[in-house]
């Protein structure tokens, strides 16, 4: 099996697992209803870009970014 096919299968599995986790969190009132799996992918992409851009000047910057975004994903109390 080609590397591309393996990567596609791994991504599909990861997306399926993240959807299940997000659905459970939504059902329990922990995740905002409007948050989608695409939103989560955008967080991953943005965090990777931040990590690359700040790896020498501020190596922990991506963690702060993720914390802020995930706080925004949390359902209001």
Protein backbone atom coordinates (compact mmCIF):
# COMPACT_ATOMS: atom_id res chain seq x y z
CA UNK A 1 0.00 0.00 0.00
CA UNK A 2 1.33 3.44 -0.91
CA UNK A 3 2.25 6.00 1.72
CA UNK A 4 -0.47 8.31 0.41
CA UNK A 5 -3.14 5.64 0.90
CA UNK A 6 -1.90 4.93 4.42
CA UNK A 7 -2.01 8.65 5.22
CA UNK A 8 -5.54 8.96 3.86
CA UNK A 9 -6.69 6.02 5.99
CA UNK A 10 -5.01 7.43 9.10
CA UNK A 11 -6.60 10.83 8.52
CA UNK A 12 -10.03 9.27 7.99
CA UNK A 13 -9.66 7.31 11.22
CA UNK A 14 -8.54 10.41 13.14
CA UNK A 15 -11.43 12.48 11.77
CA UNK A 16 -13.91 9.75 12.70
CA UNK A 17 -12.52 9.51 16.22
CA UNK A 18 -12.53 13.28 16.68
CA UNK A 19 -16.16 13.45 15.50
CA UNK A 20 -17.16 10.84 18.08
CA UNK A 21 -15.39 12.73 20.87
CA UNK A 22 -16.88 16.04 19.75
CA UNK A 23 -20.38 14.53 19.51
CA UNK A 24 -20.10 13.17 23.06
CA UNK A 25 -18.84 16.52 24.36
CA UNK A 26 -21.69 18.31 22.55
CA UNK A 27 -24.25 15.87 23.95
CA UNK A 28 -22.92 16.49 27.46
CA UNK A 29 -23.15 20.25 27.00
CA UNK A 30 -19.40 20.75 27.10
CA UNK A 31 -18.84 21.80 23.49
CA UNK A 32 -20.58 24.61 21.65
CA UNK A 33 -23.14 23.29 19.17
CA UNK A 34 -21.67 25.23 16.25
CA UNK A 35 -18.12 23.82 16.52
CA UNK A 36 -17.30 21.48 13.63
CA UNK A 37 -14.54 19.01 12.87
CA UNK A 38 -13.27 21.52 10.29
CA UNK A 39 -12.82 24.02 13.13
CA UNK A 40 -10.61 21.50 14.89
CA UNK A 41 -8.55 20.95 11.73
CA UNK A 42 -8.08 24.71 11.47
CA UNK A 43 -6.78 24.78 15.05
CA UNK A 44 -4.25 22.07 14.16
CA UNK A 45 -3.10 23.95 11.05
CA UNK A 46 -2.86 27.30 12.83
CA UNK A 47 -1.02 25.77 15.77
CA UNK A 48 1.52 24.13 13.45
CA UNK A 49 2.11 27.47 11.71
CA UNK A 50 2.52 29.25 15.04
CA UNK A 51 4.91 26.56 16.29
CA UNK A 52 7.08 26.91 13.17
CA UNK A 53 7.06 30.71 13.30
CA UNK A 54 7.94 30.93 17.00
CA UNK A 55 10.04 27.81 17.61
CA UNK A 56 13.12 29.82 18.62
CA UNK A 57 11.60 33.08 19.86
CA UNK A 58 8.68 31.70 21.90
CA UNK A 59 8.47 27.90 21.79
CA UNK A 60 5.33 27.73 23.94
CA UNK A 61 3.29 30.19 21.88
CA UNK A 62 1.33 27.44 20.14
CA UNK A 63 0.18 26.04 23.50
CA UNK A 64 -1.27 29.39 24.52
CA UNK A 65 -3.01 29.67 21.16
CA UNK A 66 -4.58 26.21 21.53
CA UNK A 67 -5.69 26.99 25.10
CA UNK A 68 -7.39 30.22 23.99
CA UNK A 69 -9.17 28.54 21.08
CA UNK A 70 -10.29 25.51 23.08
CA UNK A 71 -11.65 27.84 25.76
CA UNK A 72 -13.70 29.44 23.00
CA UNK A 73 -15.02 26.04 21.91
CA UNK A 74 -16.33 25.36 25.42
CA UNK A 75 -20.08 25.66 25.78
CA UNK A 76 -21.24 28.59 27.92
CA UNK A 77 -22.36 27.66 31.40
